[in-house]
Amino acid sequence: MECRRIVTRDGIYKGIDLWNRVNPSFFIISRLVEQNIFTPFAGVNVHAWGAFEGDNLLAFALIKYLTIPIIENGQVDEGWISLIVIDKKNIRINSIGNIFFKIIERDLKEKGIHKVYFGRDPQNFLPGLPANLDEDYLLLLEKMGYKKEGVVYDLYQDISKFTISPKITVLQKELELNLQAKMVTKETEKSCLEFLKTFFPGRWHYEAENIRRIPGGIEDYWLLWCDNVPVGFARTNTSESSYMGSNVNWGSQKGQKYCGLGPIGIANNCRGKGYGIYLMINIIQYFQQKGYKHMIIDWTDLLDYYDKVKFKPWIKYFLLYKNL
């Protein structure tokens, strides 16, 4: 068996084909490959590794690391295992796992990485290890020293049936006197970016700075306005969006006309007033009126909060990390 970097487009697609054969519930379409692997955000480097027996691909891994900080004066010593898959029909996980992981981790160490996460990478496919994946992967990761640090979920709702409770209706009518939820345009792009830099200066601002460079990217954002001042934001994506956010990675499993919501955030001096609920209701009703049926919120542990607008757990993920 030989482990080596994969440096051709064809080779990487063979790795994705292996992933799709082994994990059909998380089928990665070619558009996501082109976006998340071959068109990385600024400052993100992507490496692909394979384990081979002759020309036969036995295992595939995708790793990412930063060359610039996401946040001003931040660190660049964190990396990610974006994907890993082993062809169990041709080799036992335990017989290949130790060797393969050590090579991947050595690659990250050589780039100055001190902490590695499973999933959670910029332009992520997964926020963590899916709980319904073969349990051998969790056992292998734990054997290699990866530790659990929580659980997150993707949530789902059939918004064609969405209605709001009398209590929420009262809240909506009270807040709509002073609040307006509007999709971002090129004219309000600067306001959106300034809001994110002020209140969410990490990953969410970094994502927006990259997504805005894509035609139609900034138009997937929303701002919540109060007296002509932004007090909240959200990003939505659909199957037709020019940029596919991770909130729609697996939307096609639910059928056609799917959309995603998130991230969503309210300025810290405006929280606790129902502004987030108000923004979500307006967004849900907008897509409901457009004929969308399926809506997903990805990567959250706020189950009770989103239950207020009728989202329920769909996919469970384990958060895992290792200090190298």
C-alpha atoms as a PDB file:
ATOM      1  CA  MET A   1       0.000   0.000   0.000  1.00  0.00           C
ATOM      2  CA  GLU A   2       1.209   3.488  -0.883  1.00  0.00           C
ATOM      3  CA  CYS A   3      -0.079   6.800   0.514  1.00  0.00           C
ATOM      4  CA  ARG A   4       0.447   9.871  -1.647  1.00  0.00           C
ATOM      5  CA  ARG A   5      -0.905  13.322  -2.432  1.00  0.00           C
ATOM      6  CA  ILE A   6      -3.562  13.458  -5.127  1.00  0.00           C
ATOM      7  CA  VAL A   7      -2.826  16.388  -7.400  1.00  0.00           C
ATOM      8  CA  THR A   8      -5.074  15.874 -10.438  1.00  0.00           C
ATOM      9  CA  ARG A   9      -8.709  16.797 -10.968  1.00  0.00           C
ATOM     10  CA  ASP A  10      -9.469  13.269 -12.141  1.00  0.00           C
ATOM     11  CA  GLY A  11      -7.827  11.810  -9.043  1.00  0.00           C
ATOM     12  CA  ILE A  12      -9.835  14.015  -6.699  1.00  0.00           C
ATOM     13  CA  TYR A  13     -13.072  13.129  -8.469  1.00  0.00           C
ATOM     14  CA  LYS A  14     -12.206   9.453  -7.997  1.00  0.00           C
ATOM     15  CA  GLY A  15     -11.905  10.173  -4.286  1.00  0.00           C
ATOM     16  CA  ILE A  16     -15.306  11.891  -4.285  1.00  0.00           C
ATOM     17  CA  ASP A  17     -16.757   8.951  -6.226  1.00  0.00           C
ATOM     18  CA  LEU A  18     -15.488   6.631  -3.479  1.00  0.00           C
ATOM     19  CA  TRP A  19     -17.098   8.861  -0.844  1.00  0.00           C
ATOM     20  CA  ASN A  20     -20.400   8.841  -2.726  1.00  0.00           C
ATOM     21  CA  ARG A  21     -20.401   5.059  -3.118  1.00  0.00           C
ATOM     22  CA  VAL A  22     -19.704   4.492   0.561  1.00  0.00           C
ATOM     23  CA  ASN A  23     -21.892   7.333   1.882  1.00  0.00           C
ATOM     24  CA  PRO A  24     -24.877   7.783  -0.468  1.00  0.00           C
ATOM     25  CA  SER A  25     -26.808   9.667   2.229  1.00  0.00           C
ATOM     26  CA  PHE A  26     -24.189  12.427   1.908  1.00  0.00           C
ATOM     27  CA  PHE A  27     -23.844  12.397  -1.855  1.00  0.00           C
ATOM     28  CA  ILE A  28     -21.579  15.261  -2.986  1.00  0.00           C
ATOM     29  CA  ILE A  29     -22.618  16.738  -6.327  1.00  0.00           C
ATOM     30  CA  SER A  30     -19.980  17.945  -8.776  1.00  0.00           C
ATOM     31  CA  ARG A  31     -20.999  21.568  -8.296  1.00  0.00           C
ATOM     32  CA  LEU A  32     -19.998  21.359  -4.623  1.00  0.00           C
ATOM     33  CA  VAL A  33     -16.685  19.754  -5.581  1.00  0.00           C
ATOM     34  CA  GLU A  34     -15.889  22.625  -7.931  1.00  0.00           C
ATOM     35  CA  GLN A  35     -16.891  25.200  -5.329  1.00  0.00           C
ATOM     36  CA  ASN A  36     -15.557  23.761  -2.059  1.00  0.00           C
ATOM     37  CA  ILE A  37     -12.380  22.114  -3.352  1.00  0.00           C
ATOM     38  CA  PHE A  38     -11.283  23.779  -6.572  1.00  0.00           C
ATOM     39  CA  THR A  39     -12.412  27.330  -5.699  1.00  0.00           C
ATOM     40  CA  PRO A  40     -11.341  27.790  -2.072  1.00  0.00           C
ATOM     41  CA  PHE A  41     -11.865  30.984  -0.109  1.00  0.00           C
ATOM     42  CA  ALA A  42      -8.964  33.423   0.186  1.00  0.00           C
ATOM     43  CA  GLY A  43      -6.216  32.088   2.415  1.00  0.00           C
ATOM     44  CA  VAL A  44      -7.408  28.452   2.416  1.00  0.00           C
ATOM     45  CA  ASN A  45      -5.149  25.720   1.067  1.00  0.00           C
ATOM     46  CA  VAL A  46      -6.593  22.323   0.161  1.00  0.00           C
ATOM     47  CA  HIS A  47      -4.691  19.027   0.047  1.00  0.00           C
ATOM     48  CA  ALA A  48      -6.029  15.655  -1.052  1.00  0.00           C
ATOM     49  CA  TRP A  49      -4.510  12.328   0.001  1.00  0.00           C
ATOM     50  CA  GLY A  50      -5.091   8.793  -1.183  1.00  0.00           C
ATOM     51  CA  ALA A  51      -4.049   5.303  -0.121  1.00  0.00           C
ATOM     52  CA  PHE A  52      -3.477   3.035  -3.116  1.00  0.00           C
ATOM     53  CA  GLU A  53      -2.893  -0.610  -3.888  1.00  0.00           C
ATOM     54  CA  GLY A  54      -1.510  -0.280  -7.390  1.00  0.00           C
ATOM     55  CA  ASP A  55      -4.041   1.942  -9.138  1.00  0.00           C
ATOM     56  CA  ASN A  56      -6.850   0.939  -6.785  1.00  0.00           C
ATOM     57  CA  LEU A  57      -7.914   3.762  -4.424  1.00  0.00           C
ATOM     58  CA  LEU A  58      -8.472   2.314  -0.958  1.00  0.00           C
ATOM     59  CA  ALA A  59      -8.864   5.528   1.060  1.00  0.00           C
ATOM     60  CA  PHE A  60      -9.316   9.216   0.375  1.00  0.00           C
ATOM     61  CA  ALA A  61      -8.965  12.285   2.589  1.00  0.00           C
ATOM     62  CA  LEU A  62      -9.372  16.003   2.064  1.00  0.00           C
ATOM     63  CA  ILE A  63      -7.644  18.437   4.417  1.00  0.00           C
ATOM     64  CA  LYS A  64      -7.605  22.231   4.650  1.00  0.00           C
ATOM     65  CA  TYR A  65      -5.543  24.819   6.474  1.00  0.00           C
ATOM     66  CA  LEU A  66      -5.266  28.594   6.615  1.00  0.00           C
ATOM     67  CA  THR A  67      -2.475  30.804   5.333  1.00  0.00           C
ATOM     68  CA  ILE A  68      -4.108  34.029   6.577  1.00  0.00           C
ATOM     69  CA  PRO A  69      -6.169  34.551   9.748  1.00  0.00           C
ATOM     70  CA  ILE A  70      -9.952  34.586   9.458  1.00  0.00           C
ATOM     71  CA  ILE A  71     -10.156  37.274  12.133  1.00  0.00           C
ATOM     72  CA  GLU A  72      -7.852  40.281  12.453  1.00  0.00           C
ATOM     73  CA  ASN A  73      -4.784  39.355  14.544  1.00  0.00           C
ATOM     74  CA  GLY A  74      -6.078  35.787  14.668  1.00  0.00           C
ATOM     75  CA  GLN A  75      -4.167  32.519  14.454  1.00  0.00           C
ATOM     76  CA  VAL A  76      -3.454  30.268  11.483  1.00  0.00           C
ATOM     77  CA  ASP A  77      -2.572  27.150  13.477  1.00  0.00           C
ATOM     78  CA  GLU A  78      -5.884  25.293  13.041  1.00  0.00           C
ATOM     79  CA  GLY A  79      -6.627  22.802  10.284  1.00  0.00           C
ATOM     80  CA  TRP A  80      -9.429  20.531   9.225  1.00  0.00           C
ATOM     81  CA  ILE A  81     -10.073  17.043   7.950  1.00  0.00           C
ATOM     82  CA  SER A  82     -12.886  17.927   5.584  1.00  0.00           C
ATOM     83  CA  LEU A  83     -13.599  14.377   4.388  1.00  0.00           C
ATOM     84  CA  ILE A  84     -12.217  10.905   4.930  1.00  0.00           C
ATOM     85  CA  VAL A  85     -13.472   7.643   3.469  1.00  0.00           C
ATOM     86  CA  ILE A  86     -12.130   4.098   3.397  1.00  0.00           C
ATOM     87  CA  ASP A  87     -13.214   1.358   0.983  1.00  0.00           C
ATOM     88  CA  LYS A  88     -14.176  -1.308   3.507  1.00  0.00           C
ATOM     89  CA  LYS A  89     -14.962  -3.790   0.754  1.00  0.00           C
ATOM     90  CA  ASN A  90     -11.278  -4.024  -0.089  1.00  0.00           C
ATOM     91  CA  ILE A  91      -9.488  -3.271   3.173  1.00  0.00           C
ATOM     92  CA  ARG A  92     -10.229  -3.190   6.905  1.00  0.00           C
ATOM     93  CA  ILE A  93     -10.427   0.271   8.437  1.00  0.00           C
ATOM     94  CA  ASN A  94      -8.091  -0.611  11.297  1.00  0.00           C
ATOM     95  CA  SER A  95      -5.421  -1.961   8.965  1.00  0.00           C
ATOM     96  CA  ILE A  96      -5.180   1.284   7.036  1.00  0.00           C
ATOM     97  CA  GLY A  97      -6.472   3.921   9.442  1.00  0.00           C
ATOM     98  CA  ASN A  98      -3.427   4.385  11.662  1.00  0.00           C
ATOM     99  CA  ILE A  99      -1.002   4.770   8.768  1.00  0.00           C
ATOM    100  CA  PHE A 100      -3.281   7.039   6.763  1.00  0.00           C
ATOM    101  CA  PHE A 101      -4.090   9.348   9.681  1.00  0.00           C
ATOM    102  CA  LYS A 102      -0.443   9.710  10.648  1.00  0.00           C
ATOM    103  CA  ILE A 103       0.455  10.825   7.129  1.00  0.00           C
ATOM    104  CA  ILE A 104      -2.416  13.313   7.028  1.00  0.00           C
ATOM    105  CA  GLU A 105      -1.512  14.717  10.434  1.00  0.00           C
ATOM    106  CA  ARG A 106       2.163  14.974   9.489  1.00  0.00           C
ATOM    107  CA  ASP A 107       1.167  17.048   6.468  1.00  0.00           C
ATOM    108  CA  LEU A 108      -0.789  19.411   8.737  1.00  0.00           C
ATOM    109  CA  LYS A 109       2.010  19.588  11.312  1.00  0.00           C
ATOM    110  CA  GLU A 110       4.474  20.582   8.627  1.00  0.00           C
ATOM    111  CA  LYS A 111       2.208  23.548   7.846  1.00  0.00           C
ATOM    112  CA  GLY A 112       2.328  24.714  11.473  1.00  0.00           C
ATOM    113  CA  ILE A 113      -1.055  23.296  12.461  1.00  0.00           C
ATOM    114  CA  HIS A 114      -1.464  22.551  16.175  1.00  0.00           C
ATOM    115  CA  LYS A 115      -5.148  21.689  16.336  1.00  0.00           C
ATOM    116  CA  VAL A 116      -7.218  19.761  13.811  1.00  0.00           C
ATOM    117  CA  TYR A 117     -10.998  19.411  13.580  1.00  0.00           C
ATOM    118  CA  PHE A 118     -13.130  16.900  11.737  1.00  0.00           C
ATOM    119  CA  GLY A 119     -15.384  18.989   9.496  1.00  0.00           C
ATOM    120  CA  ARG A 120     -16.149  22.639  10.332  1.00  0.00           C
ATOM    121  CA  ASP A 121     -13.739  23.798   7.614  1.00  0.00           C
ATOM    122  CA  PRO A 122     -14.305  26.890   5.482  1.00  0.00           C
ATOM    123  CA  GLN A 123     -16.750  25.857   2.732  1.00  0.00           C
ATOM    124  CA  ASN A 124     -17.490  22.737   4.740  1.00  0.00           C
ATOM    125  CA  PHE A 125     -19.242  19.657   3.511  1.00  0.00           C
ATOM    126  CA  LEU A 126     -19.856  18.525   7.096  1.00  0.00           C
ATOM    127  CA  PRO A 127     -19.955  20.322  10.470  1.00  0.00           C
ATOM    128  CA  GLY A 128     -18.775  17.154  12.198  1.00  0.00           C
ATOM    129  CA  LEU A 129     -18.855  13.384  11.943  1.00  0.00           C
ATOM    130  CA  PRO A 130     -22.389  12.251  11.005  1.00  0.00           C
ATOM    131  CA  ALA A 131     -23.797  10.052  13.754  1.00  0.00           C
ATOM    132  CA  ASN A 132     -25.347   7.744  11.156  1.00  0.00           C
ATOM    133  CA  LEU A 133     -22.013   7.101   9.427  1.00  0.00           C
ATOM    134  CA  ASP A 134     -20.443   3.678   9.954  1.00  0.00           C
ATOM    135  CA  GLU A 135     -19.462   3.604  13.649  1.00  0.00           C
ATOM    136  CA  ASP A 136     -16.019   2.293  12.674  1.00  0.00           C
ATOM    137  CA  TYR A 137     -15.106   5.869  11.726  1.00  0.00           C
ATOM    138  CA  LEU A 138     -15.902   7.196  15.200  1.00  0.00           C
ATOM    139  CA  LEU A 139     -13.998   4.318  16.798  1.00  0.00           C
ATOM    140  CA  LEU A 140     -11.004   4.986  14.549  1.00  0.00           C
ATOM    141  CA  LEU A 141     -11.016   8.731  15.247  1.00  0.00           C
ATOM    142  CA  GLU A 142     -11.204   8.153  18.984  1.00  0.00           C
ATOM    143  CA  LYS A 143      -8.433   5.565  18.755  1.00  0.00           C
ATOM    144  CA  MET A 144      -6.285   8.153  16.955  1.00  0.00           C
ATOM    145  CA  GLY A 145      -6.775  10.616  19.810  1.00  0.00           C
ATOM    146  CA  TYR A 146      -9.721  12.690  18.569  1.00  0.00           C
ATOM    147  CA  LYS A 147     -12.001  13.888  21.349  1.00  0.00           C
ATOM    148  CA  LYS A 148     -15.707  14.683  21.328  1.00  0.00           C
ATOM    149  CA  GLU A 149     -16.622  18.221  22.315  1.00  0.00           C
ATOM    150  CA  GLY A 150     -20.328  18.299  21.654  1.00  0.00           C
ATOM    151  CA  VAL A 151     -23.113  17.517  19.237  1.00  0.00           C
ATOM    152  CA  VAL A 152     -24.717  19.684  16.543  1.00  0.00           C
ATOM    153  CA  TYR A 153     -27.606  19.154  14.178  1.00  0.00           C
ATOM    154  CA  ASP A 154     -29.007  20.023  10.816  1.00  0.00           C
ATOM    155  CA  LEU A 155     -32.672  20.937  11.229  1.00  0.00           C
ATOM    156  CA  TYR A 156     -35.534  20.565   8.775  1.00  0.00           C
ATOM    157  CA  GLN A 157     -39.008  21.904   8.153  1.00  0.00           C
ATOM    158  CA  ASP A 158     -41.627  21.501   5.441  1.00  0.00           C
ATOM    159  CA  ILE A 159     -42.337  25.219   5.120  1.00  0.00           C
ATOM    160  CA  SER A 160     -45.275  24.689   2.771  1.00  0.00           C
ATOM    161  CA  LYS A 161     -47.201  23.894   5.975  1.00  0.00           C
ATOM    162  CA  PHE A 162     -45.689  26.708   8.057  1.00  0.00           C
ATOM    163  CA  THR A 163     -48.047  28.788  10.186  1.00  0.00           C
ATOM    164  CA  ILE A 164     -47.269  30.935  13.203  1.00  0.00           C
ATOM    165  CA  SER A 165     -48.829  30.645  16.627  1.00  0.00           C
ATOM    166  CA  PRO A 166     -51.094  33.379  18.038  1.00  0.00           C
ATOM    167  CA  LYS A 167     -48.294  34.387  20.434  1.00  0.00           C
ATOM    168  CA  ILE A 168     -45.772  34.785  17.606  1.00  0.00           C
ATOM    169  CA  THR A 169     -48.377  36.614  15.526  1.00  0.00           C
ATOM    170  CA  VAL A 170     -48.688  39.229  18.263  1.00  0.00           C
ATOM    171  CA  LEU A 171     -44.894  39.567  18.422  1.00  0.00           C
ATOM    172  CA  GLN A 172     -44.663  39.947  14.647  1.00  0.00           C
ATOM    173  CA  LYS A 173     -47.289  42.706  14.572  1.00  0.00           C
ATOM    174  CA  GLU A 174     -45.579  44.574  17.408  1.00  0.00           C
ATOM    175  CA  LEU A 175     -42.125  44.415  15.847  1.00  0.00           C
ATOM    176  CA  GLU A 176     -43.117  45.183  12.270  1.00  0.00           C
ATOM    177  CA  LEU A 177     -43.880  48.756  13.365  1.00  0.00           C
ATOM    178  CA  ASN A 178     -40.132  49.406  13.689  1.00  0.00           C
ATOM    179  CA  LEU A 179     -38.379  46.538  11.901  1.00  0.00           C
ATOM    180  CA  GLN A 180     -37.906  45.675   8.243  1.00  0.00           C
ATOM    181  CA  ALA A 181     -36.337  42.498   6.826  1.00  0.00           C
ATOM    182  CA  LYS A 182     -34.810  43.126   3.418  1.00  0.00           C
ATOM    183  CA  MET A 183     -32.608  41.159   1.044  1.00  0.00           C
ATOM    184  CA  VAL A 184     -29.183  42.728   0.574  1.00  0.00           C
ATOM    185  CA  THR A 185     -28.445  44.436  -2.734  1.00  0.00           C
ATOM    186  CA  LYS A 186     -25.273  45.896  -4.192  1.00  0.00           C
ATOM    187  CA  GLU A 187     -26.453  49.242  -2.774  1.00  0.00           C
ATOM    188  CA  THR A 188     -26.611  47.833   0.787  1.00  0.00           C
ATOM    189  CA  GLU A 189     -23.625  45.473   0.482  1.00  0.00           C
ATOM    190  CA  LYS A 190     -21.334  47.866   2.358  1.00  0.00           C
ATOM    191  CA  SER A 191     -23.817  48.117   5.236  1.00  0.00           C
ATOM    192  CA  CYS A 192     -23.984  44.315   5.429  1.00  0.00           C
ATOM    193  CA  LEU A 193     -20.217  43.889   5.522  1.00  0.00           C
ATOM    194  CA  GLU A 194     -19.756  46.664   8.082  1.00  0.00           C
ATOM    195  CA  PHE A 195     -22.440  45.109  10.296  1.00  0.00           C
ATOM    196  CA  LEU A 196     -20.754  41.707  10.140  1.00  0.00           C
ATOM    197  CA  LYS A 197     -17.299  43.151  10.798  1.00  0.00           C
ATOM    198  CA  THR A 198     -18.633  44.979  13.867  1.00  0.00           C
ATOM    199  CA  PHE A 199     -20.780  42.275  15.448  1.00  0.00           C
ATOM    200  CA  PHE A 200     -19.545  39.008  13.904  1.00  0.00           C
ATOM    201  CA  PRO A 201     -15.901  39.669  12.968  1.00  0.00           C
ATOM    202  CA  GLY A 202     -14.876  36.026  12.665  1.00  0.00           C
ATOM    203  CA  ARG A 203     -16.015  33.314  10.297  1.00  0.00           C
ATOM    204  CA  TRP A 204     -19.321  34.918   9.280  1.00  0.00           C
ATOM    205  CA  HIS A 205     -17.672  38.160   8.140  1.00  0.00           C
ATOM    206  CA  TYR A 206     -14.912  36.200   6.417  1.00  0.00           C
ATOM    207  CA  GLU A 207     -17.465  34.096   4.527  1.00  0.00           C
ATOM    208  CA  ALA A 208     -19.390  37.157   3.382  1.00  0.00           C
ATOM    209  CA  GLU A 209     -16.235  38.872   2.122  1.00  0.00           C
ATOM    210  CA  ASN A 210     -15.580  35.833  -0.070  1.00  0.00           C
ATOM    211  CA  ILE A 211     -19.145  35.097  -1.139  1.00  0.00           C
ATOM    212  CA  ARG A 212     -19.776  38.704  -2.191  1.00  0.00           C
ATOM    213  CA  ARG A 213     -17.180  38.307  -4.962  1.00  0.00           C
ATOM    214  CA  ILE A 214     -19.386  35.697  -6.640  1.00  0.00           C
ATOM    215  CA  PRO A 215     -22.126  37.012  -8.979  1.00  0.00           C
ATOM    216  CA  GLY A 216     -25.326  36.997  -6.942  1.00  0.00           C
ATOM    217  CA  GLY A 217     -23.537  36.004  -3.750  1.00  0.00           C
ATOM    218  CA  ILE A 218     -24.356  39.074  -1.673  1.00  0.00           C
ATOM    219  CA  GLU A 219     -27.995  38.920  -2.742  1.00  0.00           C
ATOM    220  CA  ASP A 220     -28.413  35.747  -0.687  1.00  0.00           C
ATOM    221  CA  TYR A 221     -27.908  37.813   2.482  1.00  0.00           C
ATOM    222  CA  TRP A 222     -30.635  39.580   4.448  1.00  0.00           C
ATOM    223  CA  LEU A 223     -30.452  42.545   6.792  1.00  0.00           C
ATOM    224  CA  LEU A 224     -32.871  43.378   9.581  1.00  0.00           C
ATOM    225  CA  TRP A 225     -33.263  47.163   9.797  1.00  0.00           C
ATOM    226  CA  CYS A 226     -34.441  49.301  12.708  1.00  0.00           C
ATOM    227  CA  ASP A 227     -34.698  53.059  12.081  1.00  0.00           C
ATOM    228  CA  ASN A 228     -32.424  52.686   9.016  1.00  0.00           C
ATOM    229  CA  VAL A 229     -29.731  50.912  11.062  1.00  0.00           C
ATOM    230  CA  PRO A 230     -28.887  47.198  10.586  1.00  0.00           C
ATOM    231  CA  VAL A 231     -29.541  45.202  13.750  1.00  0.00           C
ATOM    232  CA  GLY A 232     -29.440  41.664  12.371  1.00  0.00           C
ATOM    233  CA  PHE A 233     -28.528  39.520   9.398  1.00  0.00           C
ATOM    234  CA  ALA A 234     -29.114  36.124   7.853  1.00  0.00           C
ATOM    235  CA  ARG A 235     -27.962  34.196   4.818  1.00  0.00           C
ATOM    236  CA  THR A 236     -30.249  32.029   2.728  1.00  0.00           C
ATOM    237  CA  ASN A 237     -29.435  29.691  -0.116  1.00  0.00           C
ATOM    238  CA  THR A 238     -31.465  27.699  -2.588  1.00  0.00           C
ATOM    239  CA  SER A 239     -30.804  25.005  -5.137  1.00  0.00           C
ATOM    240  CA  GLU A 240     -30.581  27.835  -7.678  1.00  0.00           C
ATOM    241  CA  SER A 241     -28.209  30.123  -5.738  1.00  0.00           C
ATOM    242  CA  SER A 242     -24.973  31.062  -7.449  1.00  0.00           C
ATOM    243  CA  TYR A 243     -23.171  30.060  -4.236  1.00  0.00           C
ATOM    244  CA  MET A 244     -24.243  26.880  -2.458  1.00  0.00           C
ATOM    245  CA  GLY A 245     -24.018  27.410   1.276  1.00  0.00           C
ATOM    246  CA  SER A 246     -23.616  24.432   3.560  1.00  0.00           C
ATOM    247  CA  ASN A 247     -27.273  24.833   4.552  1.00  0.00           C
ATOM    248  CA  VAL A 248     -28.221  23.211   1.228  1.00  0.00           C
ATOM    249  CA  ASN A 249     -25.468  20.575   0.950  1.00  0.00           C
ATOM    250  CA  TRP A 250     -27.956  17.745   1.462  1.00  0.00           C
ATOM    251  CA  GLY A 251     -31.163  19.551   0.478  1.00  0.00           C
ATOM    252  CA  SER A 252     -31.683  17.423  -2.611  1.00  0.00           C
ATOM    253  CA  GLN A 253     -32.402  14.456  -0.308  1.00  0.00           C
ATOM    254  CA  LYS A 254     -35.685  16.145   0.506  1.00  0.00           C
ATOM    255  CA  GLY A 255     -36.730  16.684  -3.094  1.00  0.00           C
ATOM    256  CA  GLN A 256     -36.976  19.684  -5.383  1.00  0.00           C
ATOM    257  CA  LYS A 257     -37.551  23.310  -4.343  1.00  0.00           C
ATOM    258  CA  TYR A 258     -35.286  23.249  -1.306  1.00  0.00           C
ATOM    259  CA  CYS A 259     -33.655  26.153   0.473  1.00  0.00           C
ATOM    260  CA  GLY A 260     -31.467  26.789   3.489  1.00  0.00           C
ATOM    261  CA  LEU A 261     -31.335  29.329   6.303  1.00  0.00           C
ATOM    262  CA  GLY A 262     -28.249  30.304   8.269  1.00  0.00           C
ATOM    263  CA  PRO A 263     -26.178  31.685   9.640  1.00  0.00           C
ATOM    264  CA  ILE A 264     -28.390  34.191  11.412  1.00  0.00           C
ATOM    265  CA  GLY A 265     -27.301  36.744  13.997  1.00  0.00           C
ATOM    266  CA  ILE A 266     -28.598  39.753  15.913  1.00  0.00           C
ATOM    267  CA  ALA A 267     -26.479  42.659  17.193  1.00  0.00           C
ATOM    268  CA  ASN A 268     -25.563  41.993  20.816  1.00  0.00           C
ATOM    269  CA  ASN A 269     -27.308  45.163  22.026  1.00  0.00           C
ATOM    270  CA  CYS A 270     -30.593  44.052  20.423  1.00  0.00           C
ATOM    271  CA  ARG A 271     -30.866  40.477  21.619  1.00  0.00           C
ATOM    272  CA  GLY A 272     -33.661  39.133  23.775  1.00  0.00           C
ATOM    273  CA  LYS A 273     -36.324  41.173  22.000  1.00  0.00           C
ATOM    274  CA  GLY A 274     -37.565  38.600  19.502  1.00  0.00           C
ATOM    275  CA  TYR A 275     -35.706  40.154  16.561  1.00  0.00           C
ATOM    276  CA  GLY A 276     -34.241  36.830  15.436  1.00  0.00           C
ATOM    277  CA  ILE A 277     -37.652  35.151  15.443  1.00  0.00           C
ATOM    278  CA  TYR A 278     -39.099  38.079  13.496  1.00  0.00           C
ATOM    279  CA  LEU A 279     -36.345  37.855  10.875  1.00  0.00           C
ATOM    280  CA  MET A 280     -36.789  34.098  10.476  1.00  0.00           C
ATOM    281  CA  ILE A 281     -40.559  34.360  10.123  1.00  0.00           C
ATOM    282  CA  ASN A 282     -40.187  36.917   7.339  1.00  0.00           C
ATOM    283  CA  ILE A 283     -37.638  34.734   5.542  1.00  0.00           C
ATOM    284  CA  ILE A 284     -39.710  31.551   5.896  1.00  0.00           C
ATOM    285  CA  GLN A 285     -42.830  33.297   4.615  1.00  0.00           C
ATOM    286  CA  TYR A 286     -40.886  34.780   1.694  1.00  0.00           C
ATOM    287  CA  PHE A 287     -39.697  31.350   0.505  1.00  0.00           C
ATOM    288  CA  GLN A 288     -43.067  29.787   1.244  1.00  0.00           C
ATOM    289  CA  GLN A 289     -44.690  32.331  -1.078  1.00  0.00           C
ATOM    290  CA  LYS A 290     -42.047  31.546  -3.718  1.00  0.00           C
ATOM    291  CA  GLY A 291     -43.199  27.924  -3.712  1.00  0.00           C
ATOM    292  CA  TYR A 292     -40.351  26.349  -1.761  1.00  0.00           C
ATOM    293  CA  LYS A 293     -41.248  23.306   0.316  1.00  0.00           C
ATOM    294  CA  HIS A 294     -38.080  22.165   2.102  1.00  0.00           C
ATOM    295  CA  MET A 295     -35.944  24.380   4.362  1.00  0.00           C
ATOM    296  CA  ILE A 296     -32.804  23.339   6.237  1.00  0.00           C
ATOM    297  CA  ILE A 297     -30.844  25.009   9.016  1.00  0.00           C
ATOM    298  CA  ASP A 298     -27.357  23.516   9.316  1.00  0.00           C
ATOM    299  CA  TRP A 299     -24.811  23.160  12.112  1.00  0.00           C
ATOM    300  CA  THR A 300     -26.587  24.247  15.300  1.00  0.00           C
ATOM    301  CA  ASP A 301     -27.156  23.124  18.857  1.00  0.00           C
ATOM    302  CA  LEU A 302     -29.952  25.651  19.497  1.00  0.00           C
ATOM    303  CA  LEU A 303     -32.770  23.138  19.175  1.00  0.00           C
ATOM    304  CA  ASP A 304     -35.189  24.871  21.537  1.00  0.00           C
ATOM    305  CA  TYR A 305     -34.686  28.248  19.872  1.00  0.00           C
ATOM    306  CA  TYR A 306     -35.391  27.038  16.347  1.00  0.00           C
ATOM    307  CA  ASP A 307     -38.268  24.901  17.579  1.00  0.00           C
ATOM    308  CA  LYS A 308     -40.088  28.199  18.175  1.00  0.00           C
ATOM    309  CA  VAL A 309     -40.449  28.427  14.390  1.00  0.00           C
ATOM    310  CA  LYS A 310     -41.053  24.669  14.031  1.00  0.00           C
ATOM    311  CA  PHE A 311     -37.655  23.349  12.891  1.00  0.00           C
ATOM    312  CA  LYS A 312     -36.911  19.795  14.037  1.00  0.00           C
ATOM    313  CA  PRO A 313     -33.641  17.783  14.214  1.00  0.00           C
ATOM    314  CA  TRP A 314     -32.758  15.968  11.012  1.00  0.00           C
ATOM    315  CA  ILE A 315     -29.061  14.986  10.968  1.00  0.00           C
ATOM    316  CA  LYS A 316     -26.886  14.614  14.068  1.00  0.00           C
ATOM    317  CA  TYR A 317     -23.109  15.221  14.050  1.00  0.00           C
ATOM    318  CA  PHE A 318     -20.344  14.657  16.601  1.00  0.00           C
ATOM    319  CA  LEU A 319     -17.856  17.514  17.013  1.00  0.00           C
ATOM    320  CA  LEU A 320     -14.325  16.102  17.164  1.00  0.00           C
ATOM    321  CA  TYR A 321     -10.866  17.639  17.509  1.00  0.00           C
ATOM    322  CA  LYS A 322      -7.285  16.706  18.260  1.00  0.00           C
ATOM    323  CA  ASN A 323      -4.305  18.690  19.488  1.00  0.00           C
ATOM    324  CA  LEU A 324      -1.321  17.726  17.352  1.00  0.00           C
END
